[in-house]
Amino acid sequence: MFNEIKKAIALRPKIAIAFCSTPLMRSLMMIVQDDFSNSALAESEFEEYIDQFADPVAPEIEIDSVADDLGELYRVWNGSQLLGTFYQNLEGKWVAQPCNRDDRPCCDTPLAAQIIIIAVNGLLVADAA
């Protein structure tokens, strides 16, 4: 009987309630309708939550620089969050310094240093372009 009520609610909720002849049937119908509505709402919210992870979005990365005694110090930002810095050492290598890390990997290009900083912060998105 409950399955029949659920089917009726799914098809025409207002009409299904009108055809319930006894107060007990109307009460059961209302309980089933509330359960059906809550279930559908929860499923819809869950689908929206999953959809936000389906399409990765590239972060808004910005690079700026400040003058240093030994040259330029470049800073990598995600909005107002500093992700790290990088600079060119005296041997011509680029040194990446991700924030809150002790690692100082050396690279051949400034782009490689930027990618290391972005990746260490978990913001590297494949196929973002």
N, C-alpha and C. Protein backbone atom coordinates (compact mmCIF):
# COMPACT_ATOMS: atom_id res chain seq x y z
N MET A 1 0.83 -1.19 0.00
CA MET A 1 0.00 0.00 0.00
C MET A 1 0.88 1.26 0.00
N PHE A 2 1.97 1.28 0.77
CA PHE A 2 2.83 2.45 0.82
C PHE A 2 3.46 2.74 -0.54
N ASN A 3 3.83 1.68 -1.26
CA ASN A 3 4.41 1.89 -2.59
C ASN A 3 3.41 2.53 -3.53
N GLU A 4 2.15 2.12 -3.44
CA GLU A 4 1.11 2.71 -4.27
C GLU A 4 0.92 4.19 -3.94
N ILE A 5 0.99 4.51 -2.66
CA ILE A 5 0.85 5.91 -2.24
C ILE A 5 2.03 6.73 -2.76
N LYS A 6 3.25 6.18 -2.66
CA LYS A 6 4.44 6.89 -3.15
C LYS A 6 4.33 7.15 -4.65
N LYS A 7 3.86 6.13 -5.39
CA LYS A 7 3.69 6.31 -6.84
C LYS A 7 2.67 7.41 -7.14
N ALA A 8 1.58 7.40 -6.39
CA ALA A 8 0.54 8.41 -6.59
C ALA A 8 1.07 9.80 -6.31
N ILE A 9 1.86 9.93 -5.24
CA ILE A 9 2.43 11.25 -4.90
C ILE A 9 3.40 11.70 -5.97
N ALA A 10 4.20 10.78 -6.46
CA ALA A 10 5.18 11.14 -7.49
C ALA A 10 4.49 11.64 -8.75
N LEU A 11 3.35 11.06 -9.09
CA LEU A 11 2.66 11.46 -10.30
C LEU A 11 1.84 12.73 -10.12
N ARG A 12 1.01 12.74 -9.10
CA ARG A 12 0.12 13.88 -8.86
C ARG A 12 -0.11 14.02 -7.37
N PRO A 13 0.74 14.73 -6.64
CA PRO A 13 0.61 14.79 -5.19
C PRO A 13 -0.70 15.39 -4.70
N LYS A 14 -1.19 16.46 -5.30
CA LYS A 14 -2.43 17.11 -4.85
C LYS A 14 -3.65 16.21 -5.09
N ILE A 15 -3.69 15.57 -6.25
CA ILE A 15 -4.81 14.69 -6.58
C ILE A 15 -4.80 13.46 -5.68
N ALA A 16 -3.63 12.90 -5.41
CA ALA A 16 -3.53 11.69 -4.58
C ALA A 16 -4.09 11.95 -3.19
N ILE A 17 -3.85 13.10 -2.62
CA ILE A 17 -4.35 13.44 -1.28
C ILE A 17 -5.87 13.58 -1.32
N ALA A 18 -6.41 14.16 -2.36
CA ALA A 18 -7.85 14.37 -2.45
C ALA A 18 -8.62 13.05 -2.51
N PHE A 19 -8.04 11.98 -3.08
CA PHE A 19 -8.74 10.70 -3.21
C PHE A 19 -8.66 9.82 -1.97
N CYS A 20 -7.93 10.22 -0.96
CA CYS A 20 -7.87 9.43 0.28
C CYS A 20 -9.16 9.66 1.05
N SER A 21 -9.91 8.58 1.26
CA SER A 21 -11.24 8.73 1.82
C SER A 21 -11.29 8.83 3.33
N THR A 22 -10.41 8.17 4.05
CA THR A 22 -10.48 8.18 5.51
C THR A 22 -9.40 9.09 6.10
N PRO A 23 -9.64 9.57 7.33
CA PRO A 23 -8.62 10.39 7.99
C PRO A 23 -7.29 9.65 8.16
N LEU A 24 -7.36 8.34 8.45
CA LEU A 24 -6.14 7.54 8.60
C LEU A 24 -5.36 7.51 7.29
N MET A 25 -6.07 7.29 6.18
CA MET A 25 -5.41 7.26 4.87
C MET A 25 -4.80 8.62 4.54
N ARG A 26 -5.53 9.70 4.89
CA ARG A 26 -4.98 11.04 4.64
C ARG A 26 -3.72 11.26 5.46
N SER A 27 -3.73 10.81 6.72
CA SER A 27 -2.55 10.97 7.58
C SER A 27 -1.37 10.18 7.02
N LEU A 28 -1.63 8.94 6.61
CA LEU A 28 -0.57 8.12 6.01
C LEU A 28 -0.03 8.78 4.74
N MET A 29 -0.93 9.33 3.96
CA MET A 29 -0.54 9.98 2.72
C MET A 29 0.37 11.17 3.00
N MET A 30 0.03 11.95 4.01
CA MET A 30 0.84 13.12 4.36
C MET A 30 2.23 12.70 4.85
N ILE A 31 2.29 11.63 5.65
CA ILE A 31 3.58 11.14 6.15
C ILE A 31 4.45 10.67 4.99
N VAL A 32 3.85 9.89 4.10
CA VAL A 32 4.59 9.39 2.95
C VAL A 32 5.03 10.55 2.05
N GLN A 33 4.16 11.54 1.88
CA GLN A 33 4.51 12.69 1.04
C GLN A 33 5.68 13.45 1.64
N ASP A 34 5.67 13.68 2.96
CA ASP A 34 6.79 14.37 3.61
C ASP A 34 8.07 13.59 3.44
N ASP A 35 8.01 12.25 3.62
CA ASP A 35 9.18 11.40 3.46
C ASP A 35 9.70 11.48 2.04
N PHE A 36 8.78 11.44 1.07
CA PHE A 36 9.15 11.52 -0.33
C PHE A 36 9.80 12.87 -0.65
N SER A 37 9.23 13.95 -0.13
CA SER A 37 9.78 15.29 -0.37
C SER A 37 11.16 15.45 0.25
N ASN A 38 11.33 14.98 1.49
CA ASN A 38 12.63 15.07 2.15
C ASN A 38 13.69 14.26 1.41
N SER A 39 13.31 13.08 0.95
CA SER A 39 14.23 12.23 0.21
C SER A 39 14.65 12.88 -1.10
N ALA A 40 13.70 13.44 -1.81
CA ALA A 40 14.00 14.11 -3.09
C ALA A 40 14.88 15.33 -2.86
N LEU A 41 14.62 16.08 -1.79
CA LEU A 41 15.43 17.26 -1.47
C LEU A 41 16.86 16.85 -1.14
N ALA A 42 17.02 15.82 -0.32
CA ALA A 42 18.36 15.35 0.04
C ALA A 42 19.13 14.88 -1.19
N GLU A 43 18.45 14.17 -2.07
CA GLU A 43 19.09 13.69 -3.29
C GLU A 43 19.51 14.86 -4.18
N SER A 44 18.66 15.85 -4.30
CA SER A 44 18.97 17.03 -5.10
C SER A 44 20.16 17.80 -4.54
N GLU A 45 20.19 17.98 -3.22
CA GLU A 45 21.31 18.68 -2.59
C GLU A 45 22.61 17.92 -2.77
N PHE A 46 22.55 16.59 -2.66
CA PHE A 46 23.74 15.77 -2.85
C PHE A 46 24.26 15.89 -4.28
N GLU A 47 23.37 15.88 -5.25
CA GLU A 47 23.77 16.02 -6.65
C GLU A 47 24.43 17.38 -6.90
N GLU A 48 23.90 18.44 -6.31
CA GLU A 48 24.51 19.77 -6.44
C GLU A 48 25.91 19.79 -5.82
N TYR A 49 26.05 19.14 -4.67
CA TYR A 49 27.35 19.06 -3.99
C TYR A 49 28.36 18.34 -4.87
N ILE A 50 27.98 17.23 -5.47
CA ILE A 50 28.88 16.47 -6.34
C ILE A 50 29.21 17.27 -7.60
N ASP A 51 28.25 17.98 -8.16
CA ASP A 51 28.46 18.74 -9.39
C ASP A 51 29.52 19.82 -9.23
N GLN A 52 29.67 20.37 -8.04
CA GLN A 52 30.67 21.42 -7.87
C GLN A 52 32.09 20.89 -8.01
N PHE A 53 32.27 19.56 -7.86
CA PHE A 53 33.59 18.97 -8.02
C PHE A 53 33.81 18.39 -9.40
N ALA A 54 32.78 18.35 -10.21
CA ALA A 54 32.86 17.70 -11.52
C ALA A 54 33.74 18.48 -12.50
N ASP A 55 33.63 19.77 -12.51
CA ASP A 55 34.40 20.58 -13.44
C ASP A 55 35.46 21.37 -12.69
N PRO A 56 36.73 20.91 -12.75
CA PRO A 56 37.76 21.65 -12.04
C PRO A 56 37.94 23.04 -12.65
N VAL A 57 38.09 24.01 -11.79
CA VAL A 57 38.27 25.40 -12.21
C VAL A 57 39.68 25.82 -11.85
N ALA A 58 40.35 26.44 -12.80
CA ALA A 58 41.71 26.90 -12.55
C ALA A 58 41.69 28.01 -11.50
N PRO A 59 42.61 27.97 -10.55
CA PRO A 59 42.67 29.03 -9.55
C PRO A 59 43.15 30.34 -10.17
N GLU A 60 42.85 31.44 -9.52
CA GLU A 60 43.28 32.76 -9.98
C GLU A 60 44.68 33.03 -9.42
N ILE A 61 45.69 32.62 -10.14
CA ILE A 61 47.07 32.78 -9.71
C ILE A 61 47.62 34.10 -10.25
N GLU A 62 48.28 34.84 -9.37
CA GLU A 62 48.93 36.09 -9.78
C GLU A 62 50.38 36.06 -9.34
N ILE A 63 51.24 36.70 -10.12
CA ILE A 63 52.67 36.79 -9.81
C ILE A 63 53.02 38.27 -9.73
N ASP A 64 53.73 38.64 -8.68
CA ASP A 64 54.28 39.99 -8.62
C ASP A 64 55.72 39.87 -8.13
N SER A 65 56.41 40.99 -8.04
CA SER A 65 57.81 40.94 -7.60
C SER A 65 58.13 42.14 -6.73
N VAL A 66 59.13 41.95 -5.89
CA VAL A 66 59.66 43.02 -5.05
C VAL A 66 61.18 43.00 -5.21
N ALA A 67 61.76 44.19 -5.15
CA ALA A 67 63.22 44.30 -5.27
C ALA A 67 63.87 43.76 -3.99
N ASP A 68 64.94 43.00 -4.18
CA ASP A 68 65.70 42.41 -3.08
C ASP A 68 67.16 42.83 -3.26
N ASP A 69 67.96 42.69 -2.23
CA ASP A 69 69.38 43.04 -2.34
C ASP A 69 70.10 42.24 -3.42
N LEU A 70 69.65 41.01 -3.65
CA LEU A 70 70.30 40.13 -4.62
C LEU A 70 69.56 40.06 -5.96
N GLY A 71 68.52 40.83 -6.13
CA GLY A 71 67.74 40.80 -7.37
C GLY A 71 66.25 40.85 -7.06
N GLU A 72 65.47 40.35 -7.98
CA GLU A 72 64.02 40.34 -7.83
C GLU A 72 63.58 39.09 -7.06
N LEU A 73 62.61 39.28 -6.17
CA LEU A 73 61.95 38.17 -5.48
C LEU A 73 60.53 38.14 -6.01
N TYR A 74 60.17 37.03 -6.64
CA TYR A 74 58.85 36.90 -7.23
C TYR A 74 57.92 36.19 -6.25
N ARG A 75 56.68 36.68 -6.16
CA ARG A 75 55.69 36.12 -5.24
C ARG A 75 54.53 35.53 -6.03
N VAL A 76 54.07 34.37 -5.59
CA VAL A 76 52.95 33.67 -6.23
C VAL A 76 51.76 33.75 -5.29
N TRP A 77 50.64 34.30 -5.80
CA TRP A 77 49.45 34.54 -5.00
C TRP A 77 48.26 33.77 -5.57
N ASN A 78 47.39 33.32 -4.68
CA ASN A 78 46.06 32.83 -5.04
C ASN A 78 45.08 33.74 -4.31
N GLY A 79 44.60 34.75 -5.00
CA GLY A 79 43.79 35.78 -4.34
C GLY A 79 44.69 36.54 -3.38
N SER A 80 44.32 36.59 -2.11
CA SER A 80 45.14 37.30 -1.12
C SER A 80 46.05 36.35 -0.35
N GLN A 81 46.07 35.07 -0.73
CA GLN A 81 46.90 34.08 -0.04
C GLN A 81 48.24 33.93 -0.76
N LEU A 82 49.32 34.17 -0.03
CA LEU A 82 50.67 33.98 -0.57
C LEU A 82 50.97 32.49 -0.59
N LEU A 83 51.24 31.96 -1.78
CA LEU A 83 51.54 30.54 -1.92
C LEU A 83 53.03 30.25 -1.78
N GLY A 84 53.86 31.21 -2.18
CA GLY A 84 55.30 31.01 -2.10
C GLY A 84 56.03 32.08 -2.90
N THR A 85 57.34 31.97 -2.88
CA THR A 85 58.18 32.91 -3.62
C THR A 85 59.20 32.12 -4.43
N PHE A 86 59.79 32.79 -5.42
CA PHE A 86 60.89 32.17 -6.17
C PHE A 86 61.83 33.28 -6.64
N TYR A 87 63.08 32.89 -6.87
CA TYR A 87 64.10 33.85 -7.30
C TYR A 87 65.16 33.10 -8.09
N GLN A 88 66.00 33.87 -8.78
CA GLN A 88 67.12 33.28 -9.52
C GLN A 88 68.38 33.42 -8.68
N ASN A 89 69.03 32.28 -8.41
CA ASN A 89 70.25 32.33 -7.60
C ASN A 89 71.46 32.76 -8.44
N LEU A 90 72.63 32.85 -7.81
CA LEU A 90 73.83 33.33 -8.49
C LEU A 90 74.32 32.38 -9.58
N GLU A 91 73.91 31.10 -9.50
CA GLU A 91 74.29 30.12 -10.54
C GLU A 91 73.32 30.12 -11.73
N GLY A 92 72.29 30.95 -11.66
CA GLY A 92 71.33 31.03 -12.75
C GLY A 92 70.14 30.08 -12.61
N LYS A 93 70.09 29.30 -11.55
CA LYS A 93 68.96 28.40 -11.30
C LYS A 93 67.85 29.16 -10.61
N TRP A 94 66.62 28.71 -10.82
CA TRP A 94 65.46 29.30 -10.16
C TRP A 94 65.13 28.49 -8.92
N VAL A 95 65.00 29.15 -7.78
CA VAL A 95 64.75 28.49 -6.50
C VAL A 95 63.30 28.78 -6.09
N ALA A 96 62.54 27.69 -5.91
CA ALA A 96 61.13 27.80 -5.47
C ALA A 96 61.08 27.67 -3.96
N GLN A 97 60.31 28.55 -3.32
CA GLN A 97 60.13 28.52 -1.87
C GLN A 97 58.65 28.52 -1.53
N PRO A 98 58.01 27.34 -1.55
CA PRO A 98 56.59 27.30 -1.16
C PRO A 98 56.43 27.70 0.31
N CYS A 99 55.35 28.41 0.63
CA CYS A 99 55.10 28.82 2.01
C CYS A 99 54.93 27.60 2.92
N ASN A 100 55.40 27.74 4.15
CA ASN A 100 55.26 26.71 5.19
C ASN A 100 55.95 25.39 4.81
N ARG A 101 57.00 25.46 4.03
CA ARG A 101 57.77 24.27 3.63
C ARG A 101 59.26 24.57 3.81
N ASP A 102 60.00 23.54 4.13
CA ASP A 102 61.45 23.69 4.24
C ASP A 102 62.14 23.40 2.92
N ASP A 103 61.43 22.82 1.96
CA ASP A 103 62.01 22.48 0.66
C ASP A 103 62.36 23.74 -0.12
N ARG A 104 63.47 23.69 -0.84
CA ARG A 104 63.88 24.78 -1.73
C ARG A 104 64.36 24.18 -3.05
N PRO A 105 63.45 23.58 -3.84
CA PRO A 105 63.90 22.93 -5.08
C PRO A 105 64.40 23.95 -6.10
N CYS A 106 65.44 23.56 -6.85
CA CYS A 106 66.00 24.40 -7.91
C CYS A 106 65.44 23.94 -9.25
N CYS A 107 65.20 24.91 -10.14
CA CYS A 107 64.61 24.64 -11.45
C CYS A 107 65.42 25.38 -12.51
N ASP A 108 65.19 24.98 -13.75
CA ASP A 108 65.87 25.65 -14.87
C ASP A 108 65.10 26.86 -15.38
N THR A 109 63.79 26.92 -15.11
CA THR A 109 62.97 28.02 -15.63
C THR A 109 62.10 28.61 -14.52
N PRO A 110 61.71 29.87 -14.68
CA PRO A 110 60.79 30.46 -13.69
C PRO A 110 59.41 29.78 -13.72
N LEU A 111 58.99 29.30 -14.88
CA LEU A 111 57.71 28.61 -14.97
C LEU A 111 57.71 27.33 -14.13
N ALA A 112 58.80 26.60 -14.17
CA ALA A 112 58.91 25.37 -13.37
C ALA A 112 58.82 25.70 -11.88
N ALA A 113 59.43 26.79 -11.46
CA ALA A 113 59.36 27.20 -10.05
C ALA A 113 57.92 27.54 -9.66
N GLN A 114 57.22 28.24 -10.55
CA GLN A 114 55.82 28.58 -10.28
C GLN A 114 54.96 27.32 -10.17
N ILE A 115 55.17 26.38 -11.08
CA ILE A 115 54.38 25.14 -11.07
C ILE A 115 54.63 24.35 -9.79
N ILE A 116 55.86 24.31 -9.33
CA ILE A 116 56.16 23.61 -8.07
C ILE A 116 55.39 24.25 -6.92
N ILE A 117 55.42 25.57 -6.85
CA ILE A 117 54.73 26.27 -5.76
C ILE A 117 53.22 26.02 -5.82
N ILE A 118 52.65 26.08 -7.00
CA ILE A 118 51.21 25.85 -7.17
C ILE A 118 50.85 24.40 -6.83
N ALA A 119 51.67 23.45 -7.28
CA ALA A 119 51.40 22.03 -7.04
C ALA A 119 51.51 21.69 -5.55
N VAL A 120 52.52 22.23 -4.87
CA VAL A 120 52.69 21.94 -3.45
C VAL A 120 51.49 22.43 -2.65
N ASN A 121 50.85 23.49 -3.12
CA ASN A 121 49.67 24.02 -2.45
C ASN A 121 48.38 23.33 -2.88
N GLY A 122 48.50 22.31 -3.72
CA GLY A 122 47.32 21.53 -4.13
C GLY A 122 46.42 22.24 -5.11
N LEU A 123 46.94 23.19 -5.87
CA LEU A 123 46.10 23.97 -6.77
C LEU A 123 46.36 23.68 -8.24
N LEU A 124 47.17 22.68 -8.55
CA LEU A 124 47.45 22.35 -9.93
C LEU A 124 46.26 21.62 -10.51
N VAL A 125 45.68 22.18 -11.58
CA VAL A 125 44.48 21.62 -12.21
C VAL A 125 44.84 21.19 -13.62
N ALA A 126 44.60 19.92 -13.93
CA ALA A 126 44.88 19.42 -15.27
C ALA A 126 43.83 19.94 -16.25
N ASP A 127 44.28 20.24 -17.45
CA ASP A 127 43.38 20.69 -18.52
C ASP A 127 42.57 21.91 -18.16
N ALA A 128 43.16 22.84 -17.44
CA ALA A 128 42.42 24.05 -17.05
C ALA A 128 42.35 25.04 -18.20
N ALA A 129 43.21 24.95 -19.15
CA ALA A 129 43.24 25.92 -20.24
C ALA A 129 42.23 25.66 -21.25
